Protein backbone atom coordinates (compact mmCIF):
# COMPACT_ATOMS: atom_id res chain seq x y z
CA MET A 1 153.18 124.35 17.00
CA ASP A 2 151.06 125.07 13.74
CA ALA A 3 148.61 128.45 14.84
CA THR A 4 146.29 126.80 12.37
CA GLN A 5 145.72 123.78 13.99
CA LEU A 6 145.87 125.30 17.79
CA LEU A 7 143.03 127.83 16.59
CA GLU A 8 140.83 124.98 15.23
CA THR A 9 141.15 123.57 18.49
CA ALA A 10 140.16 126.80 20.16
CA CYS A 11 137.23 127.24 18.30
CA GLU A 12 135.91 123.27 18.64
CA ALA A 13 136.20 123.90 22.34
CA ALA A 14 134.51 127.33 22.11
CA ARG A 15 131.50 125.93 19.75
CA ALA A 16 131.15 122.51 22.32
CA ALA A 17 129.89 125.16 25.02
CA GLY A 18 127.40 126.45 22.73
CA PRO A 19 124.72 124.55 22.86
CA ARG A 20 124.66 124.48 26.37
CA LEU A 21 125.03 127.86 26.68
CA ARG A 22 121.96 129.02 24.24
CA LYS A 23 119.75 126.41 25.87
CA ALA A 24 120.51 127.92 29.43
CA PHE A 25 120.04 131.98 28.01
CA ARG A 26 116.93 133.69 29.76
CA SER A 27 116.40 130.82 32.05
CA ARG A 28 117.45 133.15 34.91
CA PRO A 29 119.74 130.85 36.35
CA GLN A 30 120.63 130.48 40.07
CA VAL A 31 123.35 133.38 40.56
CA ALA A 32 126.14 132.79 43.25
CA THR A 33 129.09 135.56 43.87
CA LYS A 34 132.64 135.40 43.92
CA ARG A 35 134.28 138.65 45.09
CA ASP A 36 131.41 140.60 46.20
CA PHE A 37 127.83 140.98 44.51
CA HIS A 38 128.83 142.70 41.54
CA ASP A 39 130.91 139.75 40.20
CA PRO A 40 127.96 136.70 39.72
CA VAL A 41 128.65 133.28 38.79
CA THR A 42 126.62 130.38 37.70
CA GLU A 43 126.39 126.60 37.31
CA HIS A 44 126.72 127.09 33.53
CA ASP A 45 129.96 128.85 34.06
CA LYS A 46 131.39 125.97 35.78
CA ALA A 47 130.39 123.11 33.82
CA ALA A 48 131.07 125.46 30.24
CA GLU A 49 134.54 125.57 31.37
CA ASP A 50 134.40 121.68 31.86
CA THR A 51 133.42 121.15 28.36
CA ILE A 52 136.16 123.33 27.26
CA ARG A 53 138.82 121.72 29.69
CA ASN A 54 137.97 118.16 28.07
CA VAL A 55 138.19 119.33 24.32
CA ILE A 56 141.42 120.75 25.08
CA ASN A 57 142.96 118.12 26.95
CA MET A 58 141.86 115.70 24.47
CA ARG A 59 143.03 117.47 21.47
CA ARG A 60 146.25 118.77 22.99
CA PRO A 61 147.59 117.06 25.79
CA GLY A 62 150.39 118.41 27.73
CA SER A 63 148.83 121.77 27.88
CA VAL A 64 148.53 124.41 30.94
CA ILE A 65 145.09 125.54 31.04
CA VAL A 66 144.44 128.62 32.86
CA GLY A 67 140.91 128.90 33.36
CA GLU A 68 138.42 131.66 35.26
CA GLU A 69 136.74 128.86 36.79
CA GLY A 70 139.08 125.95 37.70
CA GLY A 71 142.21 128.03 37.95
CA VAL A 72 145.56 126.89 36.50
CA THR A 73 146.27 122.90 35.82
CA GLY A 74 148.47 121.03 33.75
CA GLU A 75 151.89 121.81 32.36
CA GLY A 76 154.05 121.83 29.18
CA ASP A 77 154.73 124.85 26.26
CA LEU A 78 150.90 125.61 25.22
CA THR A 79 149.12 127.65 27.67
CA TRP A 80 145.27 127.99 27.11
CA TYR A 81 143.55 131.27 28.54
CA VAL A 82 139.97 130.25 28.97
CA ASP A 83 136.66 132.43 29.68
CA PRO A 84 134.08 129.99 29.87
CA ILE A 85 130.88 132.68 29.85
CA ASP A 86 132.72 136.52 29.34
CA GLY A 87 129.60 138.66 30.59
CA THR A 88 128.17 136.35 33.06
CA ALA A 89 125.85 139.45 34.72
CA ASN A 90 124.47 139.74 31.02
CA PHE A 91 124.08 136.09 30.60
CA ALA A 92 122.25 135.39 34.09
CA ALA A 93 119.93 138.39 33.33
CA GLY A 94 119.23 137.08 30.11
CA LEU A 95 120.85 140.21 28.07
CA PRO A 96 122.22 138.87 24.65
CA PHE A 97 125.97 140.03 25.06
CA PHE A 98 128.30 137.53 26.40
CA CYS A 99 130.85 135.00 25.17
CA VAL A 100 133.72 132.19 25.42
CA SER A 101 137.45 133.74 24.81
CA ILE A 102 139.84 131.30 24.57
CA ALA A 103 143.30 131.83 23.77
CA VAL A 104 146.93 130.05 23.31
CA ALA A 105 150.32 131.03 23.51
CA VAL A 106 152.93 129.22 22.91
CA ARG A 107 156.27 129.44 25.49
CA GLY A 108 154.40 133.12 26.42
CA GLU A 109 153.76 134.44 22.93
CA LEU A 110 149.89 134.36 22.13
CA VAL A 111 149.35 132.70 18.43
CA ALA A 112 145.74 131.93 18.32
CA GLY A 113 142.46 132.92 19.68
CA VAL A 114 138.88 132.97 19.47
CA VAL A 115 136.14 134.88 20.77
CA TYR A 116 132.55 133.46 20.25
CA ASP A 117 128.98 134.92 20.61
CA PRO A 118 126.81 131.55 20.65
CA VAL A 119 123.44 133.76 20.63
CA ARG A 120 124.38 135.71 17.22
CA ASP A 121 126.91 132.14 16.19
CA ASP A 122 129.59 134.94 15.65
CA GLU A 123 133.10 133.63 15.69
CA PHE A 124 135.96 135.82 15.54
CA SER A 125 139.33 134.17 15.47
CA ALA A 126 142.80 135.05 14.92
CA THR A 127 146.19 133.96 14.35
CA THR A 128 149.78 135.55 13.85
CA ALA A 129 148.63 134.87 10.11
CA GLY A 130 145.16 137.31 10.24
CA ALA A 131 141.86 138.02 12.12
CA TRP A 132 137.85 136.58 11.09
CA CYS A 133 134.64 137.07 11.95
CA ASN A 134 132.76 133.61 10.73
CA GLY A 135 136.03 132.90 7.95
CA THR A 136 136.02 136.45 6.50
CA PRO A 137 138.68 138.87 7.20
CA ILE A 138 138.28 142.02 9.39
CA ARG A 139 139.79 144.84 9.59
CA SER A 140 139.98 147.25 12.27
CA ALA A 141 139.26 150.79 10.89
CA GLY A 142 136.72 152.98 11.89
CA ALA A 143 136.60 156.83 13.65
CA THR A 144 139.87 158.81 13.94
CA THR A 145 138.62 161.29 16.65
CA ASP A 146 136.09 161.34 19.45
CA ARG A 147 133.52 163.28 18.17
CA GLU A 148 132.86 160.26 15.85
CA ALA A 149 133.53 157.49 17.61
CA MET A 150 131.81 154.82 19.55
CA LEU A 151 133.33 154.15 23.20
CA LEU A 152 132.99 150.76 24.81
CA SER A 153 133.64 150.61 28.60
CA SER A 154 132.56 149.84 32.16
CA TYR A 155 134.68 152.33 33.79
CA PRO A 156 134.14 153.73 36.60
CA THR A 157 133.50 150.19 38.32
CA PRO A 158 132.51 150.23 41.73
CA ARG A 159 136.03 149.33 42.74
CA ASP A 160 137.08 152.44 40.31
CA LEU A 161 135.06 154.26 42.49
CA VAL A 162 136.26 153.24 45.83
CA GLU A 163 139.83 153.95 45.03
CA GLU A 164 139.18 157.28 43.10
CA GLY A 165 136.46 158.56 44.51
CA ASP A 166 135.02 161.62 42.93
CA GLU A 167 137.96 161.87 40.45
CA ALA A 168 136.52 158.81 38.52
CA LEU A 169 133.29 160.36 38.15
CA ALA A 170 135.27 163.59 36.61
CA ARG A 171 136.94 161.29 34.15
CA TYR A 172 133.66 159.68 33.22
CA GLY A 173 132.11 162.76 32.91
CA ARG A 174 134.91 163.81 30.37
CA LEU A 175 134.58 160.50 28.26
CA LEU A 176 130.99 161.20 28.09
CA ASP A 177 131.11 165.04 26.83
CA SER A 178 134.11 163.92 24.32
CA PHE A 179 132.92 160.76 22.66
CA ALA A 180 130.29 160.28 20.36
CA ALA A 181 128.66 157.62 22.37
CA VAL A 182 129.43 155.39 25.57
CA ARG A 183 128.25 152.15 25.95
CA ARG A 184 128.74 150.07 29.01
CA LEU A 185 128.44 146.41 28.15
CA GLY A 186 129.72 144.09 30.19
CA SER A 187 131.98 141.74 28.04
CA ALA A 188 135.51 142.47 27.87
CA ALA A 189 136.38 139.82 25.05
CA LEU A 190 133.40 140.90 23.59
CA LYS A 191 134.13 144.51 23.38
CA LEU A 192 137.50 143.75 22.04
CA ALA A 193 136.17 141.64 18.87
CA HIS A 194 133.96 144.29 17.83
CA VAL A 195 136.82 147.01 18.05
CA ALA A 196 138.85 144.12 15.89
CA ALA A 197 135.92 144.21 13.39
CA GLY A 198 135.17 148.10 13.45
CA TRP A 199 131.83 148.14 14.92
CA ALA A 200 133.15 150.33 17.87
CA ASP A 201 136.09 152.33 18.06
CA VAL A 202 137.67 152.13 21.21
CA ALA A 203 137.45 149.76 24.44
CA TYR A 204 139.02 150.37 27.86
CA GLY A 205 138.75 148.12 30.95
CA THR A 206 140.01 148.25 34.85
CA ARG A 207 141.48 144.67 36.36
CA ALA A 208 141.31 142.75 33.50
CA ASN A 209 142.55 138.72 33.60
CA PRO A 210 144.23 137.42 30.71
CA TRP A 211 140.90 134.97 30.61
CA ASP A 212 139.28 137.87 29.41
CA VAL A 213 141.45 140.02 26.67
CA ALA A 214 144.12 137.53 25.50
CA ALA A 215 141.84 136.53 22.78
CA GLY A 216 140.62 140.08 22.04
CA ALA A 217 143.62 141.77 21.95
CA LEU A 218 145.04 139.35 19.22
CA LEU A 219 142.22 139.71 17.36
CA VAL A 220 142.70 143.60 17.59
CA ARG A 221 146.28 143.54 16.70
CA GLN A 222 146.03 140.81 13.76
CA ALA A 223 142.80 143.42 12.46
CA GLY A 224 145.04 146.00 12.12
CA GLY A 225 144.16 148.14 15.18
CA VAL A 226 146.14 148.71 18.56
CA TYR A 227 146.11 147.05 22.34
CA LEU A 228 147.83 149.02 24.62
CA GLY A 229 149.72 146.91 27.14
CA ASP A 230 150.62 142.92 27.83
CA PRO A 231 147.40 141.03 27.49
CA LEU A 232 149.02 138.22 29.50
CA VAL A 233 149.55 140.40 32.66
CA PRO A 234 146.69 141.22 34.80
CA SER A 235 146.10 145.18 34.14
CA ASP A 236 143.98 147.71 32.59
CA TYR A 237 143.42 147.38 29.13
CA LEU A 238 143.02 149.86 26.11
CA ALA A 239 142.05 148.93 22.01
CA HIS A 240 141.25 151.14 19.51
CA VAL A 241 140.71 150.95 15.63
CA GLY A 242 143.95 151.64 13.44
CA GLY A 243 144.27 155.45 12.74
CA PHE A 244 142.50 156.59 16.03
CA ASP A 245 143.90 159.56 17.21
CA LEU A 246 144.90 158.40 20.79
CA GLU A 247 147.28 161.27 21.28
CA ASN A 248 144.20 163.80 21.44
CA SER A 249 141.44 161.79 22.64
CA ALA A 250 139.80 162.52 25.89
CA ILE A 251 140.85 158.96 27.20
CA ALA A 252 144.56 159.23 26.80
CA GLU A 253 144.81 160.12 30.50
CA LEU A 254 143.61 156.45 31.11
CA ALA A 255 145.51 155.12 28.31
CA ARG A 256 148.65 155.96 29.76
CA ARG A 257 147.90 153.70 33.02
CA SER A 258 146.96 150.56 30.39
CA ALA A 259 150.53 150.93 28.71
CA GLY A 260 152.23 151.52 31.87
C-alpha cells in the first residue's frame, strides 16, 4: 500500500474538517462531558469526525476507522486512528492550541499520519519516508539537557493526583525545578508535532489513546526524534528531540513508565 497516497487521503480528510472548526472557534459552543467534567466534548467533535470518516470511506473503502467519538467501524488491512479535535477544552474556550490528528496503519504498522492545526493552517505530515511541516522537511533537534529544554506536559492530571497523591506533586516540582520551562498546553498530538519540528524539546503525558498520539509518534520518529512506547496501545507517552540526554533528565523516572 503506497504510504504517500495514504497520506494524501489523511491530509484531505483533516483539511476537510478545517472550515467548520475555524468557523466555530471562539463561538463558545455548548459543552457536554464524557468521563467527567475534565473531559469535554462539543457538537463539533462529532461533526468533524463524521466529515473525516466520509472522506476516508470514499477514498479508501474497506478500512477500519478507530475514532475518539464514533468508536471502531469497518474491516480491512488499513486502520485509521482519528481524533477530530485533540484539545477540545482549548477549542471550546477559545484557546488556539488544538488540532485534527489522523494516522493510518497497514496490518498494525504505522505508515502515514497528519496533525493539522486549523487556526494556523499548519500541516505536520509524515510517512515512512520522512516528516514535513507545510511541505518543508522538519528535524527534531534542540536542547540536550533539562536546563536548556522546553517540556510540554499536562502531568499531573486530576487522575494522576488521585492515584499518586503527594508523590505526583513532588514529581511535578522536580520537573519545574529541572527544566528551563514547563508548559501545560492541552493537546498531545500538537505537542508531539512541535517536538518533531524542534519547537519544543520534550513531551510527556499519561493515559493516551492511539488517536491522540499515533500521528504525532510517527512525526517525531521520522523527524529524527525519539518516541518511547507503542503509540497503538493505550499508555503513557514520552517523546524528545534527537540528542536529548534522557538518562540524566528529571523526567527519566516517568520515562521508564512510558517505555514499559
